[in-house]
Amino acid sequence: MDKGANINHHAGEYESALQAHCHGSACQVESLRFLLQHRADINEKGGNHGAALIASCAHPWGEECARLLLDHGADVNVQSEECGTALIAACQPRPRFFIPSTKTLQRLLKCGADVNLQGGKHGTALSAACSWDYPEAVELLINHGANIHLQDYAAWYSVTRRIASQGGKSTGFEKSPMSGTVMLELLLNRGMDINHEHAEYGTALHAIMTVEQAGENWCEGIDTLLKHHINPNIMNDQLGSALHIACAIAHEEVHADFNGECADCKSINGSSNKAAYLLERCFNINVNAQGGTFGTALQAAVYAGQILSVRLLLDRKADVNTRGGKYHSTLNGAIISGHWNIAKILLEAGATPDCHLQEETDEAWLQTVLEEDGRGAVERYRKFWEVELEKKRGGEGASNS
């Protein structure tokens, strides 16, 4: 500065010296005060976070810097594309062992932060707070008028996905594993419709089922939803029911990009956990409801290779011969996916092969199978058709004689 440097010169990733400081690994109040005393433009826009106040609020240890910026007249409702607002940035997820405080949130709200301004990847401050273990922020925002309905209930789906991925173990640095359900209860107590259906995510129960890398705490989320009388039979046009989603979980797909240790890998029935839990908890669940990609929960479980789910569904009187869905029948799903052990179970349960229902193979459908599942799937189907057709002819010959 003594050599005439322009304190508001724009260049580089952070756009200005002030924003670069607010991005730093630790808040150095004295150097920030120096910049402000030399007329650094406190509301200059640009850089990764859009403004110095947003950068400070996004930083896990930026509390004192944010306070100083607000004391010097920073625009509390300044907006950016990346983070939205300072309030949203202050609510977004922090490092795993970070213990959050609501001091910055309280200060922002006291200075006139609009609790319902929208922007950034989280959409709203409430949705950002719901996406990790921050029930204190959720309660504070709600008490200051946060609208739970914004962006088609974005906060609702943030918290349900958080519950589904939350681990059950806690350290001295982490929140209670039940903090997700605490946030869920807070939203429900403010008039959230338990059965609200998002066009893309379905209901909250759908959302929990669609989280692939599930933590150990998803069952508490299901219990909370059921306690508040969520309807487990609601059908989404694309997803089907929550049971359909649970039954479609294939263990190999869930762990395709996962190199860590999975507790479920110790059990051959690990991929059936969610479906089994739903069937155990929901006595009124409709096991024969039709919808979604596979048509029925049984067809989904068959294709995913969930042997336990298949047996449980059959015990609950799932119709083994319902036609429809991606593979036209549950038996076809087992054949195309190569799960011969499940095909045997279905045949013993009375499943009818296609060759008993039609005179020729459906070549147009087999072309689709070829394109989506490969040549091996088509060859398995044709071979099964031939074997079962031969059995049928042999049986007819024996009865005629």
Protein backbone atom coordinates (compact mmCIF):
# COMPACT_ATOMS: atom_id res chain seq x y z
CA MET A 1 0.00 0.00 0.00
CA ASP A 2 2.90 2.35 0.76
CA LYS A 3 4.11 1.80 -2.81
CA GLY A 4 0.76 2.83 -4.29
CA ALA A 5 -0.95 -0.52 -4.85
CA ASN A 6 -4.61 -0.26 -5.88
CA ILE A 7 -6.51 -2.02 -3.11
CA ASN A 8 -9.53 -2.54 -5.38
CA HIS A 9 -7.63 -3.85 -8.39
CA HIS A 10 -9.56 -6.68 -10.08
CA ALA A 11 -7.66 -9.77 -11.19
CA GLY A 12 -7.28 -13.48 -10.61
CA GLU A 13 -9.51 -16.10 -9.10
CA TYR A 14 -10.68 -13.96 -6.19
CA GLU A 15 -11.13 -10.69 -8.15
CA SER A 16 -9.91 -8.50 -5.25
CA ALA A 17 -7.60 -8.51 -2.25
CA LEU A 18 -10.62 -8.33 0.05
CA GLN A 19 -12.20 -11.47 -1.37
CA ALA A 20 -8.86 -13.27 -1.40
CA HIS A 21 -8.56 -12.54 2.31
CA CYS A 22 -12.06 -13.84 3.01
CA HIS A 23 -11.21 -17.07 1.18
CA GLY A 24 -8.19 -17.63 3.41
CA SER A 25 -7.71 -20.67 5.63
CA ALA A 26 -8.11 -18.62 8.82
CA CYS A 27 -9.81 -15.33 9.62
CA GLN A 28 -7.17 -12.66 10.32
CA VAL A 29 -9.23 -9.81 11.69
CA GLU A 30 -6.39 -7.30 11.84
CA SER A 31 -5.45 -7.68 8.18
CA LEU A 32 -9.13 -7.45 7.22
CA ARG A 33 -9.49 -4.29 9.29
CA PHE A 34 -6.43 -2.91 7.49
CA LEU A 35 -8.04 -3.52 4.09
CA LEU A 36 -11.28 -1.87 5.18
CA GLN A 37 -9.45 1.14 6.64
CA HIS A 38 -7.78 1.62 3.26
CA ARG A 39 -11.17 1.77 1.53
CA ALA A 40 -11.45 -1.72 0.12
CA ASP A 41 -14.81 -1.92 -1.68
CA ILE A 42 -16.80 -4.02 0.75
CA ASN A 43 -19.66 -4.73 -1.67
CA GLU A 44 -17.62 -5.35 -4.81
CA LYS A 45 -19.07 -8.30 -6.73
CA GLY A 46 -17.09 -11.04 -8.44
CA GLY A 47 -14.82 -13.93 -7.58
CA ASN A 48 -15.76 -17.49 -6.77
CA HIS A 49 -18.34 -16.63 -4.12
CA GLY A 50 -19.60 -13.38 -5.59
CA ALA A 51 -18.86 -11.04 -2.67
CA ALA A 52 -16.62 -10.79 0.39
CA LEU A 53 -19.47 -11.31 2.87
CA ILE A 54 -20.63 -14.47 1.08
CA ALA A 55 -17.05 -15.78 1.03
CA SER A 56 -16.68 -15.19 4.77
CA CYS A 57 -20.01 -16.84 5.56
CA ALA A 58 -19.12 -19.82 3.37
CA HIS A 59 -15.84 -20.32 5.23
CA PRO A 60 -16.08 -22.65 8.27
CA TRP A 61 -13.99 -20.27 10.36
CA GLY A 62 -15.11 -16.97 8.88
CA GLU A 63 -17.36 -15.86 11.75
CA GLU A 64 -15.24 -12.91 12.92
CA CYS A 65 -14.59 -11.73 9.37
CA ALA A 66 -18.33 -11.80 8.64
CA ARG A 67 -19.00 -9.80 11.81
CA LEU A 68 -16.46 -7.16 10.85
CA LEU A 69 -17.82 -6.87 7.31
CA LEU A 70 -21.36 -6.43 8.61
CA ASP A 71 -20.17 -3.79 11.08
CA HIS A 72 -18.66 -1.90 8.14
CA GLY A 73 -21.88 -1.92 6.12
CA ALA A 74 -21.65 -5.01 3.91
CA ASP A 75 -24.84 -5.67 1.92
CA VAL A 76 -26.44 -8.48 3.90
CA ASN A 77 -28.59 -9.58 0.95
CA VAL A 78 -25.93 -9.52 -1.77
CA GLN A 79 -26.41 -12.48 -4.14
CA SER A 80 -24.15 -14.72 -6.21
CA GLU A 81 -24.66 -17.59 -8.62
CA GLU A 82 -22.54 -20.11 -6.71
CA CYS A 83 -23.75 -19.67 -3.12
CA GLY A 84 -26.91 -17.61 -3.43
CA THR A 85 -26.71 -15.32 -0.40
CA ALA A 86 -24.57 -14.89 2.70
CA LEU A 87 -27.32 -16.55 4.76
CA ILE A 88 -27.44 -19.56 2.43
CA ALA A 89 -23.62 -19.76 2.50
CA ALA A 90 -23.62 -19.69 6.31
CA CYS A 91 -26.07 -22.62 6.37
CA GLN A 92 -24.29 -24.86 3.86
CA PRO A 93 -22.49 -28.08 4.92
CA ARG A 94 -19.21 -27.81 6.82
CA PRO A 95 -16.27 -30.21 7.30
CA ARG A 96 -17.09 -33.41 9.17
CA PHE A 97 -15.58 -32.44 12.54
CA PHE A 98 -16.73 -28.82 12.49
CA ILE A 99 -18.99 -27.84 15.39
CA PRO A 100 -21.44 -25.27 13.97
CA SER A 101 -22.58 -22.13 15.73
CA THR A 102 -25.61 -20.00 14.95
CA LYS A 103 -23.88 -16.72 15.85
CA THR A 104 -23.27 -15.73 12.23
CA LEU A 105 -26.85 -16.66 11.29
CA GLN A 106 -28.24 -14.62 14.16
CA ARG A 107 -26.08 -11.65 13.19
CA LEU A 108 -27.13 -11.86 9.53
CA LEU A 109 -30.81 -12.05 10.47
CA LYS A 110 -30.45 -9.16 12.91
CA CYS A 111 -28.91 -7.10 10.10
CA GLY A 112 -31.91 -7.77 7.88
CA ALA A 113 -31.00 -10.88 5.90
CA ASP A 114 -33.97 -12.09 3.85
CA VAL A 115 -34.56 -15.63 5.10
CA ASN A 116 -36.41 -16.60 1.92
CA LEU A 117 -34.09 -15.25 -0.78
CA GLN A 118 -33.33 -18.01 -3.29
CA GLY A 119 -30.19 -18.92 -5.21
CA GLY A 120 -27.12 -21.13 -5.36
CA LYS A 121 -26.98 -24.91 -5.49
CA HIS A 122 -29.00 -25.35 -2.28
CA GLY A 123 -31.76 -22.98 -3.37
CA THR A 124 -32.67 -21.65 0.07
CA ALA A 125 -31.02 -21.19 3.46
CA LEU A 126 -33.44 -23.70 4.97
CA SER A 127 -32.60 -26.31 2.35
CA ALA A 128 -28.86 -25.75 2.93
CA ALA A 129 -29.25 -26.22 6.68
CA CYS A 130 -31.34 -29.35 6.14
CA SER A 131 -28.66 -30.92 3.93
CA TRP A 132 -26.40 -31.65 6.92
CA ASP A 133 -26.60 -31.92 10.72
CA TYR A 134 -27.72 -28.40 11.59
CA PRO A 135 -31.06 -28.59 13.48
CA GLU A 136 -30.28 -25.39 15.43
CA ALA A 137 -30.12 -23.45 12.17
CA VAL A 138 -33.31 -25.08 10.90
CA GLU A 139 -35.19 -24.04 14.02
CA LEU A 140 -33.74 -20.52 13.93
CA LEU A 141 -34.66 -20.02 10.27
CA ILE A 142 -38.19 -21.35 10.77
CA ASN A 143 -38.67 -19.04 13.75
CA HIS A 144 -37.62 -16.14 11.51
CA GLY A 145 -40.22 -16.99 8.88
CA ALA A 146 -38.44 -19.42 6.55
CA ASN A 147 -40.96 -20.72 4.02
CA ILE A 148 -40.85 -24.54 3.92
CA HIS A 149 -42.78 -24.57 0.62
CA LEU A 150 -40.14 -22.84 -1.52
CA GLN A 151 -38.76 -24.63 -4.60
CA ASP A 152 -41.27 -27.45 -4.26
CA TYR A 153 -40.30 -28.15 -0.65
CA ALA A 154 -36.54 -28.27 -1.34
CA ALA A 155 -35.75 -28.32 2.40
CA TRP A 156 -38.01 -31.34 2.92
CA TYR A 157 -36.13 -33.38 0.35
CA SER A 158 -32.75 -32.18 1.60
CA VAL A 159 -33.44 -33.51 5.08
CA THR A 160 -34.88 -36.84 3.93
CA ARG A 161 -31.86 -37.50 1.72
CA ARG A 162 -29.59 -36.50 4.60
CA ILE A 163 -31.29 -38.99 6.92
CA ALA A 164 -30.89 -41.76 4.37
CA SER A 165 -27.15 -41.18 4.00
CA GLN A 166 -26.42 -40.44 7.65
CA GLY A 167 -24.21 -42.83 9.59
CA GLY A 168 -25.20 -44.21 12.95
CA LYS A 169 -21.90 -43.74 14.75
CA SER A 170 -21.12 -40.53 16.57
CA THR A 171 -17.88 -38.97 17.82
CA GLY A 172 -17.36 -36.14 20.25
CA PHE A 173 -17.19 -33.73 17.31
CA GLU A 174 -20.34 -34.85 15.51
CA LYS A 175 -24.01 -34.26 16.01
CA SER A 176 -26.26 -36.96 17.34
CA PRO A 177 -27.16 -39.49 14.62
CA MET A 178 -30.78 -38.53 15.32
CA SER A 179 -30.30 -34.87 14.28
CA GLY A 180 -31.75 -35.63 10.84
CA THR A 181 -35.02 -36.85 12.31
CA VAL A 182 -35.07 -33.80 14.62
CA MET A 183 -35.03 -31.58 11.52
CA LEU A 184 -37.74 -33.71 9.95
CA GLU A 185 -39.93 -33.22 13.02
CA LEU A 186 -39.32 -29.46 12.93
CA LEU A 187 -40.63 -29.25 9.37
CA LEU A 188 -43.59 -31.49 10.12
CA ASN A 189 -44.53 -29.40 13.14
CA ARG A 190 -44.66 -26.34 10.87
CA GLY A 191 -47.36 -27.82 8.64
CA MET A 192 -45.40 -29.86 6.14
CA ASP A 193 -47.70 -32.21 4.21
CA ILE A 194 -46.31 -35.65 4.99
CA ASN A 195 -47.61 -37.01 1.68
CA HIS A 196 -46.37 -34.20 -0.56
CA GLU A 197 -45.20 -35.61 -3.88
CA HIS A 198 -42.41 -33.92 -5.78
CA ALA A 199 -42.59 -34.42 -9.55
CA GLU A 200 -39.03 -35.77 -9.67
CA TYR A 201 -38.35 -37.20 -6.19
CA GLY A 202 -41.79 -38.51 -5.27
CA THR A 203 -42.62 -38.52 -1.55
CA ALA A 204 -40.14 -38.35 1.32
CA LEU A 205 -40.32 -42.13 1.51
CA HIS A 206 -39.36 -42.33 -2.17
CA ALA A 207 -36.46 -39.96 -1.50
CA ILE A 208 -35.06 -42.11 1.31
CA MET A 209 -35.22 -45.18 -0.91
CA THR A 210 -33.41 -43.53 -3.82
CA VAL A 211 -30.26 -42.70 -1.83
CA GLU A 212 -27.83 -45.39 -2.98
CA GLN A 213 -24.97 -44.91 -0.50
CA ALA A 214 -27.28 -45.39 2.46
CA GLY A 215 -25.94 -44.83 5.97
CA GLU A 216 -26.95 -46.70 9.07
CA ASN A 217 -29.71 -44.29 10.05
CA TRP A 218 -32.24 -44.62 7.20
CA CYS A 219 -34.58 -46.82 9.24
CA GLU A 220 -35.10 -44.02 11.82
CA GLY A 221 -36.20 -41.77 8.98
CA ILE A 222 -38.70 -44.35 7.76
CA ASP A 223 -40.02 -44.80 11.30
CA THR A 224 -40.51 -41.04 11.68
CA LEU A 225 -42.42 -40.82 8.40
CA LEU A 226 -44.60 -43.78 9.31
CA LYS A 227 -45.25 -42.31 12.76
CA HIS A 228 -46.68 -39.27 11.00
CA HIS A 229 -48.82 -41.54 8.79
CA ILE A 230 -47.11 -41.21 5.43
CA ASN A 231 -48.88 -43.24 2.76
CA PRO A 232 -46.44 -45.95 1.57
CA ASN A 233 -48.62 -46.77 -1.44
CA ILE A 234 -48.32 -43.43 -3.27
CA MET A 235 -47.24 -44.12 -6.85
CA ASN A 236 -44.86 -41.83 -8.73
CA ASP A 237 -45.18 -41.93 -12.52
CA GLN A 238 -41.49 -42.65 -13.06
CA LEU A 239 -40.43 -44.32 -9.81
CA GLY A 240 -43.46 -46.38 -8.87
CA SER A 241 -43.94 -46.80 -5.12
CA ALA A 242 -41.32 -46.65 -2.37
CA LEU A 243 -41.42 -50.45 -2.31
CA HIS A 244 -40.69 -50.56 -6.05
CA ILE A 245 -37.56 -48.46 -5.49
CA ALA A 246 -36.41 -50.55 -2.52
CA CYS A 247 -36.84 -53.74 -4.50
CA ALA A 248 -34.89 -52.38 -7.48
CA ILE A 249 -31.68 -51.85 -5.48
CA ALA A 250 -28.94 -54.00 -6.99
CA HIS A 251 -26.01 -54.51 -4.64
CA GLU A 252 -23.37 -54.37 -7.38
CA GLU A 253 -24.69 -51.09 -8.77
CA VAL A 254 -24.79 -49.45 -5.35
CA HIS A 255 -21.10 -50.16 -4.80
CA ALA A 256 -19.83 -49.69 -8.35
CA ASP A 257 -17.86 -46.55 -7.39
CA PHE A 258 -17.46 -47.29 -3.68
CA ASN A 259 -14.09 -48.50 -2.39
CA GLY A 260 -14.83 -48.42 1.32
CA GLU A 261 -16.05 -51.21 3.55
CA CYS A 262 -19.76 -51.92 3.41
CA ALA A 263 -21.44 -53.59 6.35
CA ASP A 264 -24.12 -54.98 4.01
CA CYS A 265 -21.47 -56.90 2.04
CA LYS A 266 -21.29 -59.30 4.98
CA SER A 267 -24.81 -60.45 4.18
CA ILE A 268 -26.00 -61.98 0.93
CA ASN A 269 -29.33 -60.26 1.56
CA GLY A 270 -27.84 -56.80 2.15
CA SER A 271 -29.56 -55.24 -0.87
CA SER A 272 -32.95 -56.40 0.47
CA ASN A 273 -32.67 -54.42 3.72
CA LYS A 274 -34.92 -51.52 2.77
CA ALA A 275 -37.58 -53.66 1.12
CA ALA A 276 -37.61 -56.07 4.07
CA TYR A 277 -37.91 -53.17 6.52
CA LEU A 278 -40.81 -51.62 4.61
CA LEU A 279 -42.65 -54.93 4.43
CA GLU A 280 -42.11 -55.47 8.15
CA ARG A 281 -43.29 -51.99 9.16
CA CYS A 282 -46.11 -51.41 6.66
CA PHE A 283 -48.83 -53.98 7.07
CA ASN A 284 -51.08 -52.13 4.61
CA ILE A 285 -48.51 -51.87 1.83
CA ASN A 286 -49.82 -52.97 -1.56
CA VAL A 287 -47.37 -55.57 -2.87
CA ASN A 288 -49.24 -55.84 -6.18
CA ALA A 289 -49.40 -52.13 -7.00
CA GLN A 290 -48.36 -51.48 -10.60
CA GLY A 291 -46.20 -48.63 -11.84
CA GLY A 292 -42.65 -47.51 -12.44
CA THR A 293 -40.08 -49.13 -14.72
CA PHE A 294 -40.60 -52.74 -13.67
CA GLY A 295 -44.36 -52.70 -13.24
CA THR A 296 -44.44 -54.47 -9.87
CA ALA A 297 -42.23 -54.67 -6.80
CA LEU A 298 -41.78 -58.39 -7.43
CA GLN A 299 -40.46 -57.81 -10.95
CA ALA A 300 -38.06 -55.16 -9.62
CA ALA A 301 -36.77 -57.48 -6.88
CA VAL A 302 -36.35 -60.31 -9.38
CA TYR A 303 -34.30 -58.25 -11.80
CA ALA A 304 -32.15 -56.81 -8.97
CA GLY A 305 -31.46 -60.29 -7.64
CA GLN A 306 -33.00 -59.67 -4.20
CA ILE A 307 -33.77 -63.26 -3.23
CA LEU A 308 -34.96 -62.34 0.26
CA SER A 309 -37.31 -59.67 -1.10
CA VAL A 310 -38.70 -62.13 -3.65
CA ARG A 311 -39.49 -64.65 -0.91
CA LEU A 312 -41.00 -61.98 1.35
CA LEU A 313 -43.20 -60.64 -1.44
CA LEU A 314 -44.40 -64.12 -2.35
CA ASP A 315 -45.19 -64.71 1.34
CA ARG A 316 -47.30 -61.53 1.20
CA LYS A 317 -49.23 -62.96 -1.78
CA ALA A 318 -47.53 -60.98 -4.54
CA ASP A 319 -48.98 -62.07 -7.89
CA VAL A 320 -46.28 -64.04 -9.68
CA ASN A 321 -48.05 -63.79 -13.05
CA THR A 322 -48.88 -60.09 -13.31
CA ARG A 323 -48.12 -58.94 -16.86
CA GLY A 324 -46.52 -55.61 -17.67
CA GLY A 325 -43.43 -53.62 -16.82
CA LYS A 326 -40.08 -53.53 -18.55
CA TYR A 327 -39.81 -57.30 -19.01
CA HIS A 328 -43.52 -58.11 -19.33
CA SER A 329 -43.39 -60.58 -16.39
CA THR A 330 -41.43 -61.40 -13.25
CA LEU A 331 -40.19 -64.66 -14.77
CA ASN A 332 -38.81 -62.81 -17.79
CA GLY A 333 -36.98 -60.44 -15.45
CA ALA A 334 -35.24 -63.37 -13.77
CA ILE A 335 -34.29 -64.95 -17.11
CA ILE A 336 -32.98 -61.78 -18.72
CA SER A 337 -30.94 -60.84 -15.65
CA GLY A 338 -29.57 -64.38 -15.40
CA HIS A 339 -30.90 -65.05 -11.91
CA TRP A 340 -31.72 -68.73 -12.45
CA ASN A 341 -32.10 -69.43 -8.74
CA ILE A 342 -34.90 -66.85 -8.61
CA ALA A 343 -36.43 -68.22 -11.83
CA LYS A 344 -36.67 -71.60 -10.09
CA ILE A 345 -38.41 -70.00 -7.09
CA LEU A 346 -40.91 -68.29 -9.39
CA LEU A 347 -41.66 -71.46 -11.33
CA GLU A 348 -42.27 -73.31 -8.07
CA ALA A 349 -44.63 -70.47 -7.09
CA GLY A 350 -46.64 -70.98 -10.29
CA ALA A 351 -45.08 -68.52 -12.74
CA THR A 352 -46.18 -69.12 -16.32
CA PRO A 353 -43.51 -69.00 -19.09
CA ASP A 354 -44.23 -66.88 -22.17
CA CYS A 355 -44.36 -69.95 -24.43
CA HIS A 356 -47.54 -71.00 -22.60
CA LEU A 357 -49.18 -67.66 -23.39
CA GLN A 358 -48.08 -66.89 -26.95
CA GLU A 359 -47.22 -68.95 -30.01
CA GLU A 360 -44.11 -66.99 -31.02
CA THR A 361 -41.50 -64.84 -29.35
CA ASP A 362 -42.12 -61.09 -29.37
CA GLU A 363 -39.28 -60.04 -31.68
CA ALA A 364 -39.91 -56.31 -31.37
CA TRP A 365 -39.61 -56.55 -27.58
CA LEU A 366 -36.51 -58.77 -27.85
CA GLN A 367 -34.87 -56.10 -29.99
CA THR A 368 -35.38 -53.65 -27.13
CA VAL A 369 -33.91 -56.19 -24.71
CA LEU A 370 -30.91 -56.60 -27.03
CA GLU A 371 -30.29 -52.86 -27.08
CA GLU A 372 -30.67 -52.38 -23.33
CA ASP A 373 -29.42 -55.65 -21.81
CA GLY A 374 -27.17 -57.15 -24.47
CA ARG A 375 -26.99 -60.28 -26.59
CA GLY A 376 -26.56 -62.60 -23.60
CA ALA A 377 -29.94 -61.56 -22.20
CA VAL A 378 -31.68 -62.37 -25.49
CA GLU A 379 -29.89 -65.71 -25.78
CA ARG A 380 -30.95 -66.66 -22.25
CA TYR A 381 -34.55 -65.82 -23.05
CA ARG A 382 -34.55 -67.83 -26.31
CA LYS A 383 -32.92 -70.83 -24.63
CA PHE A 384 -35.46 -70.76 -21.80
CA TRP A 385 -38.27 -70.50 -24.35
CA GLU A 386 -36.99 -73.58 -26.18
CA VAL A 387 -36.58 -75.64 -22.99
CA GLU A 388 -40.00 -74.72 -21.63
CA LEU A 389 -41.66 -75.24 -25.03
CA GLU A 390 -40.15 -78.72 -25.21
CA LYS A 391 -41.48 -79.46 -21.72
CA LYS A 392 -44.89 -78.21 -22.78
CA ARG A 393 -44.93 -80.42 -25.88
CA GLY A 394 -43.76 -83.39 -23.85
CA GLY A 395 -46.51 -82.82 -21.33
CA GLU A 396 -49.14 -82.51 -24.04
CA GLY A 397 -47.89 -85.71 -25.69
CA ALA A 398 -48.08 -87.61 -22.42
CA SER A 399 -51.62 -86.40 -21.73
CA ASN A 400 -52.76 -87.29 -25.28
CA SER A 401 -51.37 -90.81 -24.99
